[in-house]
Amino acid sequence: ITNSNFTRNRGRLVYFDNVAGGSNLLLDQNLFSLNQLTNHSARQAIVSVHVGRDDPGITVKLSNNLFHKNTMERTITVEDNRDAPAYQLRLNIERNEFRDNLSPDVLLVDVPSANVTLNRFEDPQAKCELRTGPYRDGTRIDATSNYWGTVESAQVAKRVCDFKQQSTLLPAHYIPFMTDLPSGLPGGQLNHLANLEQPPTFGSAIQPIIASDDRIALGGALRENDVRIPATGDPYRVAQSVMIEQGQTLTIEPGARLEFEGGRGLRVRGKLIIRGTPDNPVILTGSSQNAWSGIIFDNQNSDQASSVEGCMIENALTGMVINSKQIHLASCRIVNSILSSIEIGPQSDTNIDFGDSLLEKSLDKGIRVATRALGITLQNVRITDSAGVGVDFDAPSEDITISNVKIANSGLFAVRIDQVPRFPIRSITIDGLTVSEQQRGQVGLFLNVLDYASVTVKNSLFTRNTVPSIQMELKCNYAANSDPSAPTVVPVPTFLFEENRIIDNSNLVATFSLAYCADATFRKNNFELNNRDHRFGTFELIAEPAPDQQKNFKLQISENVFLKNEGEYTVYLLPIIQYPFQGSFDQNKLTSNSNLRSALIVGSPLVKVNLNDFINPQSTYDLEVTE
């Protein structure tokens, strides 16, 4: 495919599936510009190549192509069946330009060997210019001698998503890199195919407000330092992105409606004031259902505070990117985002109050927290109908707090905190979380923590979920405490699960796995009316103490109410390794549970069962002790 123009299309454009042995694929001197993904799917690429099974001798070359201002989950995807040895595919991606594409991952390479060189990558809104696939032996991704839009190696490292960011991925070799543009790139040669820099076509009402020149790469800059957009009764048509530079203020008055063309948006390095009201909101939306780029706060070096109140943001790629401090949000509604409703960048404040905003129907995540060195607090937000995860963390670290967050009907997880080994977690506090109506995906609240000081879940509600409501896997660094030569003793991590309500759920409702060492307390929780479909259990605790950690592994389950739960059992205490630990189950009330096996199953003589009320005439047993 050579000398062709793919412009203003929707959905994936070039798709090779199950490529057979002996094939030679060449894409050379083509233009891919202003193409959009379709609304019903976010997992698309401009060019996709999938290599067939066990077929040797395949050559794929992508060269001298220009990918410009496309909106797609990925720009290029090349992958194989992962069983093919390295010699079966020869992949070369060279002398291409990737400019201003709205793709989280511009280039995904999931093959055992690739040569990616002499390309220009300048996609400032991409998370990863290059992403590698899961690790496999005998692999080499050579990404040297590319231009990444910066001369700083630390910034280049952030643009390449490989094993340095996530240990399960393939390594990519990108040093040395180019500090100047490679010669002979296709941008100038392909101008005969299309006029890439079209003149702005703002409606007459907005012409006095936004500059009509093209001196800013993404589009219109404000003419003055203090600009207002009033409501006119007619929508404003925005054909180029609006740039608010440092020292400038843009105020959008109640009732104003802005309709953005695909790929355009608001980029804020100065100050943005949106003054909508419940009865007269400010509406920011895409034109003709095209995905626009949303609001991007990127004034990380500015002391100007922005305020966004009473807004409706519709049909954006990402509704709002917060990579700045001093952003005030209140009473906003973000609907139908292609990726995330809100993305939190590494330069944001550590405490983000969403002001009772509502995030609805994102095709991926409600809130995505990007990799950051500092902890974060998220509070006062409602998230409904996310196709993926309600609240997700790329690499959770330090102190994490989730407070007064209500999540309903997530497609994969309501909250996912999955620790990456290189990013230490000190504490996790979840207070006032609601997880409800989740009938698809994997689990409501999911925690996988490798080392921590404290985890607290309190005052939260889990109700009407048909997938598991809670799954936690917590490990501690017991090696430091077991080494007598260690200079300091690491405190035993604490886990507190207190005053939560777990009501009317199905499936294996709540599972807790504590490994190596822990000081864990489950107190004053209510488990009621779960598993009325007579399957699975309500509360399962798996204890895995390490050797010689008796004094550092304590379990206390007390003052909880277990009422009218059905299924196989209500409570199952299951030590999977019989090393000594200290455990107690006391002052709990187990009442009117109807269990096919037993209300309480204890799998270890090390758990002391004292002063509990058992009134479960419909259960086969009140108490079962098993190995």
Foldseek 3Di string as FASTA:
>chain_A
DAPEEAAAEEFAAAEAEQAAAPEEAEYAHYEAYHYFYDLVAQAGENHEHEHHDPHAHYEYEYAQYEHYAYEGQEHYEYAYPVPYDQRRYEAEYELYEYEQYNYQEHYEAEGQEYEAALYEAHHVNHQAPYEYAFDDPNGAAEQEAYHHPAPDPVVVVRRYHACVLFVRGHDYDHPPYDPDHRPPHNPVVSVVVDPRDDFWDKDPLCPQFWDRDCPDPQDTEGPDQEGEAEADVDAIEGETAYERAASHEYEYEFQYEYEYEAAHEYEYLHEYEYDYDQVTAYEYEYPPLHAYAAYEYDNAVHPHAYEHERYEYENHCENYEAQHERYHAAAYEYESHAEEPYEYEQSYDQEDENHQYEYEQYQAEDYEYEDYQDHHEYERYEYENHLHEHYEYSAHAEEYEYEQYEYEAYAAEPYEAAHRVVHHYAEYYYAAYEYEHHEHHAEYAEEEHAAYAEYEHANYEYEHYAHAHEDYAYEHPCVLQVDPPRPDHDDQHEYEYEHYEYEHYEDAHYEYEYAAFYAYEYAAYEYENYHPVQAHEHYEYEYHHDAPCAVGHEYEYEHYEYYAAHHAEHYEYHYPDPHHHAAEHEHYEHAQYAHAHEHYEYADPRYHYYHYHFHHVNYPYHYHYHD
